[in-house]
Structure formats: structure tokens, C-alpha cells
PDB file of N, CA and C in Angstrom:
ATOM      1  N   MET A   1      14.942 -43.697 -65.212  1.00  0.00           N
ATOM      2  CA  MET A   1      13.861 -43.110 -66.038  1.00  0.00           C
ATOM      3  C   MET A   1      12.560 -42.871 -65.486  1.00  0.00           C
ATOM      4  N   LEU A   2      11.628 -41.723 -65.436  1.00  0.00           N
ATOM      5  CA  LEU A   2      10.823 -41.379 -64.835  1.00  0.00           C
ATOM      6  C   LEU A   2       9.654 -42.016 -65.555  1.00  0.00           C
ATOM      7  N   THR A   3       8.632 -42.339 -64.698  1.00  0.00           N
ATOM      8  CA  THR A   3       7.110 -42.929 -65.227  1.00  0.00           C
ATOM      9  C   THR A   3       6.372 -42.003 -65.719  1.00  0.00           C
ATOM     10  N   HIS A   4       5.349 -42.296 -66.444  1.00  0.00           N
ATOM     11  CA  HIS A   4       4.366 -41.099 -66.954  1.00  0.00           C
ATOM     12  C   HIS A   4       3.843 -40.300 -65.585  1.00  0.00           C
ATOM     13  N   GLU A   5       3.504 -41.004 -64.482  1.00  0.00           N
ATOM     14  CA  GLU A   5       3.002 -40.361 -63.265  1.00  0.00           C
ATOM     15  C   GLU A   5       4.026 -39.567 -62.584  1.00  0.00           C
ATOM     16  N   GLU A   6       5.022 -40.144 -62.641  1.00  0.00           N
ATOM     17  CA  GLU A   6       6.325 -39.199 -62.055  1.00  0.00           C
ATOM     18  C   GLU A   6       6.428 -38.001 -62.708  1.00  0.00           C
ATOM     19  N   HIS A   7       6.396 -37.885 -63.923  1.00  0.00           N
ATOM     20  CA  HIS A   7       6.753 -36.504 -64.796  1.00  0.00           C
ATOM     21  C   HIS A   7       5.255 -35.948 -64.668  1.00  0.00           C
ATOM     22  N   GLN A   8       4.262 -36.324 -64.461  1.00  0.00           N
ATOM     23  CA  GLN A   8       2.881 -35.401 -64.000  1.00  0.00           C
ATOM     24  C   GLN A   8       3.111 -34.640 -62.624  1.00  0.00           C
ATOM     25  N   GLN A   9       3.790 -35.484 -61.764  1.00  0.00           N
ATOM     26  CA  GLN A   9       3.902 -34.873 -60.431  1.00  0.00           C
ATOM     27  C   GLN A   9       5.138 -33.695 -60.582  1.00  0.00           C
ATOM     28  N   LEU A  10       5.813 -33.907 -61.335  1.00  0.00           N
ATOM     29  CA  LEU A  10       7.089 -33.135 -61.542  1.00  0.00           C
ATOM     30  C   LEU A  10       6.547 -31.653 -62.327  1.00  0.00           C
ATOM     31  N   LEU A  11       5.539 -31.747 -63.218  1.00  0.00           N
ATOM     32  CA  LEU A  11       5.106 -30.922 -63.939  1.00  0.00           C
ATOM     33  C   LEU A  11       4.116 -30.134 -63.152  1.00  0.00           C
ATOM     34  N   GLN A  12       3.269 -30.835 -62.106  1.00  0.00           N
ATOM     35  CA  GLN A  12       2.493 -29.989 -61.231  1.00  0.00           C
ATOM     36  C   GLN A  12       3.109 -29.137 -60.372  1.00  0.00           C
ATOM     37  N   LYS A  13       4.433 -29.684 -59.890  1.00  0.00           N
ATOM     38  CA  LYS A  13       5.324 -28.874 -59.091  1.00  0.00           C
ATOM     39  C   LYS A  13       5.848 -27.484 -59.800  1.00  0.00           C
ATOM     40  N   ILE A  14       5.977 -27.722 -60.911  1.00  0.00           N
ATOM     41  CA  ILE A  14       6.573 -26.592 -61.559  1.00  0.00           C
ATOM     42  C   ILE A  14       5.070 -25.708 -62.088  1.00  0.00           C
ATOM     43  N   LYS A  15       4.080 -26.110 -62.197  1.00  0.00           N
ATOM     44  CA  LYS A  15       3.004 -25.163 -62.569  1.00  0.00           C
ATOM     45  C   LYS A  15       2.622 -24.270 -61.146  1.00  0.00           C
ATOM     46  N   ASN A  16       2.864 -24.977 -59.932  1.00  0.00           N
ATOM     47  CA  ASN A  16       2.630 -24.503 -58.839  1.00  0.00           C
ATOM     48  C   ASN A  16       3.671 -23.687 -58.257  1.00  0.00           C
ATOM     49  N   GLY A  17       4.762 -23.474 -58.782  1.00  0.00           N
ATOM     50  CA  GLY A  17       5.983 -22.837 -58.335  1.00  0.00           C
ATOM     51  C   GLY A  17       6.032 -21.285 -59.090  1.00  0.00           C
ATOM     52  N   LEU A  18       6.851 -20.872 -59.217  1.00  0.00           N
ATOM     53  CA  LEU A  18       7.378 -19.678 -59.896  1.00  0.00           C
ATOM     54  C   LEU A  18       7.479 -19.424 -61.327  1.00  0.00           C
ATOM     55  N   ALA A  19       7.407 -20.629 -62.024  1.00  0.00           N
ATOM     56  CA  ALA A  19       7.536 -20.723 -63.159  1.00  0.00           C
ATOM     57  C   ALA A  19       6.523 -19.867 -64.111  1.00  0.00           C
ATOM     58  N   THR A  20       7.132 -19.287 -65.378  1.00  0.00           N
ATOM     59  CA  THR A  20       5.963 -19.055 -66.182  1.00  0.00           C
ATOM     60  C   THR A  20       5.739 -19.974 -67.507  1.00  0.00           C
ATOM     61  N   LYS A  21       6.740 -20.731 -67.665  1.00  0.00           N
ATOM     62  CA  LYS A  21       6.577 -21.750 -68.825  1.00  0.00           C
ATOM     63  C   LYS A  21       7.214 -23.154 -68.347  1.00  0.00           C
ATOM     64  N   VAL A  22       7.208 -23.961 -69.041  1.00  0.00           N
ATOM     65  CA  VAL A  22       7.565 -25.251 -68.758  1.00  0.00           C
ATOM     66  C   VAL A  22       8.682 -25.882 -69.966  1.00  0.00           C
ATOM     67  N   LEU A  23       9.726 -26.035 -69.547  1.00  0.00           N
ATOM     68  CA  LEU A  23      11.190 -26.223 -70.398  1.00  0.00           C
ATOM     69  C   LEU A  23      11.213 -27.963 -70.752  1.00  0.00           C
ATOM     70  N   ILE A  24      11.023 -28.665 -71.987  1.00  0.00           N
ATOM     71  CA  ILE A  24      11.526 -30.135 -72.021  1.00  0.00           C
ATOM     72  C   ILE A  24      12.779 -29.991 -72.735  1.00  0.00           C
ATOM     73  N   LEU A  25      13.594 -30.683 -71.656  1.00  0.00           N
ATOM     74  CA  LEU A  25      15.144 -31.177 -71.695  1.00  0.00           C
ATOM     75  C   LEU A  25      15.386 -32.376 -72.442  1.00  0.00           C
ATOM     76  N   ALA A  26      16.208 -32.339 -73.273  1.00  0.00           N
ATOM     77  CA  ALA A  26      16.529 -33.643 -73.911  1.00  0.00           C
ATOM     78  C   ALA A  26      17.805 -33.880 -73.931  1.00  0.00           C
ATOM     79  N   ASN A  27      18.141 -35.129 -73.678  1.00  0.00           N
ATOM     80  CA  ASN A  27      19.773 -35.460 -73.825  1.00  0.00           C
ATOM     81  C   ASN A  27      20.404 -35.426 -75.035  1.00  0.00           C
ATOM     82  N   ALA A  28      21.629 -34.981 -74.769  1.00  0.00           N
ATOM     83  CA  ALA A  28      22.618 -34.884 -75.928  1.00  0.00           C
ATOM     84  C   ALA A  28      22.477 -35.959 -77.145  1.00  0.00           C
ATOM     85  N   ASP A  29      22.271 -37.269 -76.660  1.00  0.00           N
ATOM     86  CA  ASP A  29      22.104 -38.192 -77.454  1.00  0.00           C
ATOM     87  C   ASP A  29      20.672 -38.880 -77.795  1.00  0.00           C
ATOM     88  N   CYS A  30      19.887 -37.897 -77.899  1.00  0.00           N
ATOM     89  CA  CYS A  30      18.251 -38.203 -77.607  1.00  0.00           C
ATOM     90  C   CYS A  30      17.796 -38.559 -79.414  1.00  0.00           C
ATOM     91  N   CYS A  31      16.675 -38.788 -79.464  1.00  0.00           N
ATOM     92  CA  CYS A  31      16.397 -39.375 -80.788  1.00  0.00           C
ATOM     93  C   CYS A  31      15.905 -38.187 -81.669  1.00  0.00           C
ATOM     94  N   PRO A  32      15.430 -38.075 -82.638  1.00  0.00           N
ATOM     95  CA  PRO A  32      14.840 -37.267 -83.437  1.00  0.00           C
ATOM     96  C   PRO A  32      13.587 -36.288 -82.913  1.00  0.00           C
ATOM     97  N   THR A  33      12.783 -37.498 -82.489  1.00  0.00           N
ATOM     98  CA  THR A  33      11.542 -37.237 -82.046  1.00  0.00           C
ATOM     99  C   THR A  33      11.710 -36.297 -80.858  1.00  0.00           C
ATOM    100  N   CYS A  34      12.408 -36.789 -79.884  1.00  0.00           N
ATOM    101  CA  CYS A  34      12.794 -35.890 -78.681  1.00  0.00           C
ATOM    102  C   CYS A  34      13.240 -34.639 -78.905  1.00  0.00           C
ATOM    103  N   ARG A  35      14.288 -34.665 -79.871  1.00  0.00           N
ATOM    104  CA  ARG A  35      14.873 -33.427 -80.188  1.00  0.00           C
ATOM    105  C   ARG A  35      13.818 -32.318 -80.768  1.00  0.00           C
ATOM    106  N   GLN A  36      13.218 -32.926 -81.369  1.00  0.00           N
ATOM    107  CA  GLN A  36      11.900 -31.818 -82.060  1.00  0.00           C
ATOM    108  C   GLN A  36      11.164 -31.403 -80.969  1.00  0.00           C
ATOM    109  N   GLN A  37      10.876 -32.010 -79.875  1.00  0.00           N
ATOM    110  CA  GLN A  37       9.828 -31.783 -78.636  1.00  0.00           C
ATOM    111  C   GLN A  37      10.733 -30.907 -77.850  1.00  0.00           C
ATOM    112  N   GLN A  38      12.120 -30.810 -77.671  1.00  0.00           N
ATOM    113  CA  GLN A  38      12.709 -29.993 -76.792  1.00  0.00           C
ATOM    114  C   GLN A  38      12.317 -28.491 -77.018  1.00  0.00           C
ATOM    115  N   GLY A  39      12.191 -27.679 -75.819  1.00  0.00           N
ATOM    116  CA  GLY A  39      11.799 -26.297 -76.028  1.00  0.00           C
ATOM    117  C   GLY A  39      11.005 -25.827 -74.649  1.00  0.00           C
ATOM    118  N   ALA A  40      10.752 -24.306 -74.890  1.00  0.00           N
ATOM    119  CA  ALA A  40       9.704 -24.126 -73.863  1.00  0.00           C
ATOM    120  C   ALA A  40       8.552 -24.052 -74.387  1.00  0.00           C
ATOM    121  N   TYR A  41       7.542 -24.198 -73.492  1.00  0.00           N
ATOM    122  CA  TYR A  41       5.934 -24.495 -73.744  1.00  0.00           C
ATOM    123  C   TYR A  41       5.480 -23.492 -72.955  1.00  0.00           C
ATOM    124  N   GLN A  42       3.832 -23.281 -73.182  1.00  0.00           N
ATOM    125  CA  GLN A  42       2.976 -22.477 -72.128  1.00  0.00           C
ATOM    126  C   GLN A  42       2.547 -23.789 -71.390  1.00  0.00           C
ATOM    127  N   PHE A  43       2.277 -23.592 -70.228  1.00  0.00           N
ATOM    128  CA  PHE A  43       1.667 -24.824 -69.520  1.00  0.00           C
ATOM    129  C   PHE A  43       0.539 -25.314 -69.922  1.00  0.00           C
ATOM    130  N   ASP A  44      -0.084 -24.925 -70.767  1.00  0.00           N
ATOM    131  CA  ASP A  44      -1.429 -25.685 -71.468  1.00  0.00           C
ATOM    132  C   ASP A  44      -1.147 -26.330 -72.749  1.00  0.00           C
ATOM    133  N   GLU A  45       0.133 -26.235 -73.358  1.00  0.00           N
ATOM    134  CA  GLU A  45       0.367 -26.589 -74.286  1.00  0.00           C
ATOM    135  C   GLU A  45       1.664 -27.689 -74.320  1.00  0.00           C
ATOM    136  N   VAL A  46       1.992 -28.150 -73.094  1.00  0.00           N
ATOM    137  CA  VAL A  46       3.113 -29.074 -73.055  1.00  0.00           C
ATOM    138  C   VAL A  46       2.781 -30.295 -73.194  1.00  0.00           C
ATOM    139  N   PRO A  47       3.717 -31.141 -74.241  1.00  0.00           N
ATOM    140  CA  PRO A  47       3.524 -32.247 -74.643  1.00  0.00           C
ATOM    141  C   PRO A  47       3.698 -33.435 -73.311  1.00  0.00           C
ATOM    142  N   PRO A  48       3.052 -34.319 -73.228  1.00  0.00           N
ATOM    143  CA  PRO A  48       3.290 -35.181 -72.038  1.00  0.00           C
ATOM    144  C   PRO A  48       4.684 -36.082 -72.008  1.00  0.00           C
ATOM    145  N   LEU A  49       4.985 -36.527 -71.223  1.00  0.00           N
ATOM    146  CA  LEU A  49       6.447 -37.256 -71.128  1.00  0.00           C
ATOM    147  C   LEU A  49       6.004 -38.483 -70.619  1.00  0.00           C
ATOM    148  N   PRO A  50       6.825 -39.711 -71.156  1.00  0.00           N
ATOM    149  CA  PRO A  50       7.713 -39.714 -71.886  1.00  0.00           C
ATOM    150  C   PRO A  50       6.987 -39.194 -73.478  1.00  0.00           C
ATOM    151  N   ILE A  51       7.903 -38.944 -74.223  1.00  0.00           N
ATOM    152  CA  ILE A  51       7.525 -38.479 -75.508  1.00  0.00           C
ATOM    153  C   ILE A  51       7.053 -39.949 -76.370  1.00  0.00           C
ATOM    154  N   GLU A  52       5.798 -39.775 -76.770  1.00  0.00           N
ATOM    155  CA  GLU A  52       5.325 -40.886 -77.544  1.00  0.00           C
ATOM    156  C   GLU A  52       6.237 -40.895 -78.978  1.00  0.00           C
ATOM    157  N   GLY A  53       6.661 -42.189 -79.331  1.00  0.00           N
ATOM    158  CA  GLY A  53       7.471 -42.215 -80.606  1.00  0.00           C
ATOM    159  C   GLY A  53       8.878 -42.063 -80.572  1.00  0.00           C
ATOM    160  N   CYS A  54       9.479 -41.905 -79.077  1.00  0.00           N
ATOM    161  CA  CYS A  54      10.685 -41.961 -79.102  1.00  0.00           C
ATOM    162  C   CYS A  54      11.550 -43.307 -79.347  1.00  0.00           C
ATOM    163  N   SER A  55      12.411 -43.454 -80.089  1.00  0.00           N
ATOM    164  CA  SER A  55      13.038 -44.177 -80.847  1.00  0.00           C
ATOM    165  C   SER A  55      14.628 -44.752 -80.169  1.00  0.00           C
ATOM    166  N   HIS A  56      14.813 -44.012 -78.991  1.00  0.00           N
ATOM    167  CA  HIS A  56      16.186 -44.264 -78.569  1.00  0.00           C
ATOM    168  C   HIS A  56      16.350 -45.595 -77.832  1.00  0.00           C
ATOM    169  N   PRO A  57      17.285 -46.277 -77.651  1.00  0.00           N
ATOM    170  CA  PRO A  57      17.234 -47.520 -77.328  1.00  0.00           C
ATOM    171  C   PRO A  57      16.716 -47.823 -75.638  1.00  0.00           C
ATOM    172  N   GLN A  58      17.202 -46.649 -74.831  1.00  0.00           N
ATOM    173  CA  GLN A  58      17.084 -46.565 -73.601  1.00  0.00           C
ATOM    174  C   GLN A  58      15.682 -46.091 -73.302  1.00  0.00           C
ATOM    175  N   GLY A  59      14.871 -45.487 -74.222  1.00  0.00           N
ATOM    176  CA  GLY A  59      13.574 -44.847 -74.051  1.00  0.00           C
ATOM    177  C   GLY A  59      13.930 -43.654 -73.991  1.00  0.00           C
ATOM    178  N   CYS A  60      12.456 -42.913 -73.670  1.00  0.00           N
ATOM    179  CA  CYS A  60      12.786 -41.277 -73.740  1.00  0.00           C
ATOM    180  C   CYS A  60      13.328 -40.900 -72.280  1.00  0.00           C
ATOM    181  N   ARG A  61      14.120 -39.890 -72.204  1.00  0.00           N
ATOM    182  CA  ARG A  61      14.980 -39.785 -70.983  1.00  0.00           C
ATOM    183  C   ARG A  61      14.747 -38.112 -70.928  1.00  0.00           C
ATOM    184  N   CYS A  62      13.616 -37.496 -71.583  1.00  0.00           N
ATOM    185  CA  CYS A  62      13.300 -36.026 -71.262  1.00  0.00           C
ATOM    186  C   CYS A  62      12.981 -35.823 -70.324  1.00  0.00           C
ATOM    187  N   THR A  63      13.179 -34.401 -69.965  1.00  0.00           N
ATOM    188  CA  THR A  63      12.453 -34.288 -68.502  1.00  0.00           C
ATOM    189  C   THR A  63      12.151 -32.874 -68.478  1.00  0.00           C
ATOM    190  N   TYR A  64      11.296 -32.189 -67.366  1.00  0.00           N
ATOM    191  CA  TYR A  64      10.516 -31.099 -67.352  1.00  0.00           C
ATOM    192  C   TYR A  64      11.479 -30.309 -66.689  1.00  0.00           C
ATOM    193  N   ALA A  65      11.512 -29.017 -66.916  1.00  0.00           N
ATOM    194  CA  ALA A  65      12.356 -28.222 -65.962  1.00  0.00           C
ATOM    195  C   ALA A  65      11.485 -26.601 -66.121  1.00  0.00           C
ATOM    196  N   PRO A  66      11.538 -26.053 -65.014  1.00  0.00           N
ATOM    197  CA  PRO A  66      10.773 -24.621 -65.016  1.00  0.00           C
ATOM    198  C   PRO A  66      11.417 -23.512 -65.561  1.00  0.00           C
ATOM    199  N   VAL A  67      10.862 -22.661 -66.319  1.00  0.00           N
ATOM    200  CA  VAL A  67      11.267 -21.363 -66.844  1.00  0.00           C
ATOM    201  C   VAL A  67      11.070 -20.248 -65.991  1.00  0.00           C
ATOM    202  N   LEU A  68      12.176 -19.776 -65.269  1.00  0.00           N
ATOM    203  CA  LEU A  68      11.912 -18.708 -64.476  1.00  0.00           C
ATOM    204  C   LEU A  68      12.304 -17.424 -64.902  1.00  0.00           C
ATOM    205  N   ASP A  69      11.323 -16.492 -65.060  1.00  0.00           N
ATOM    206  CA  ASP A  69      11.896 -15.354 -66.279  1.00  0.00           C
ATOM    207  C   ASP A  69      10.885 -14.421 -65.326  1.00  0.00           C
ATOM    208  N   ARG A  70      10.492 -14.425 -64.165  1.00  0.00           N
ATOM    209  CA  ARG A  70       9.952 -13.378 -63.269  1.00  0.00           C
ATOM    210  C   ARG A  70      11.076 -12.738 -62.436  1.00  0.00           C
ATOM    211  N   PHE A  71      10.982 -11.396 -62.041  1.00  0.00           N
ATOM    212  CA  PHE A  71      11.826 -10.749 -61.456  1.00  0.00           C
ATOM    213  C   PHE A  71      11.259  -9.917 -59.871  1.00  0.00           C
ATOM    214  N   GLY A  72      11.960 -10.141 -58.933  1.00  0.00           N
ATOM    215  CA  GLY A  72      11.678  -9.660 -57.864  1.00  0.00           C
ATOM    216  C   GLY A  72      10.452 -10.822 -56.984  1.00  0.00           C
ATOM    217  N   PRO A  73      10.066 -10.613 -55.866  1.00  0.00           N
ATOM    218  CA  PRO A  73       9.375 -11.349 -55.075  1.00  0.00           C
ATOM    219  C   PRO A  73       7.682 -10.779 -55.506  1.00  0.00           C
TER     220      PRO A  73
END
């Protein structure tokens, strides 16, 4: 499980790359709170990870991923 600081570092790498948005990925057995946060976000609207209010016994296991929808160099 990543710490808040590690999630922030990952988010910064995504923002500095070729991504146009940020995707929050949740595990298949995640809690309802995490399931609700899953999806694509604009950079300025991304909720911080770990998700506040997560009720999974192992804690929030969500992660950030880039949305790459640009074509060509």
C-alpha cells in the first residue's frame, strides 16, 4: 500500500508526462467509497489518495493511472 506522499509523487509524474487526465483505479473487491471515486479526472479535480472514508479491512488500495488519449508526437 502506498503512502499519501508516494501517491502524490505518482500523480506528479503523470501530470508531467503525456497524460491528458488522471484515472483512479480501484480493486475489484474495494469498498463502496472507493468504487464511487473510481474514474477519470481533470488534473485539478483529482481526489487525494488514499481515499478518505475507505472502509476496506486492508485500507485504500486505489492507485492513479494516466489517461493517454493524445495521438502522435
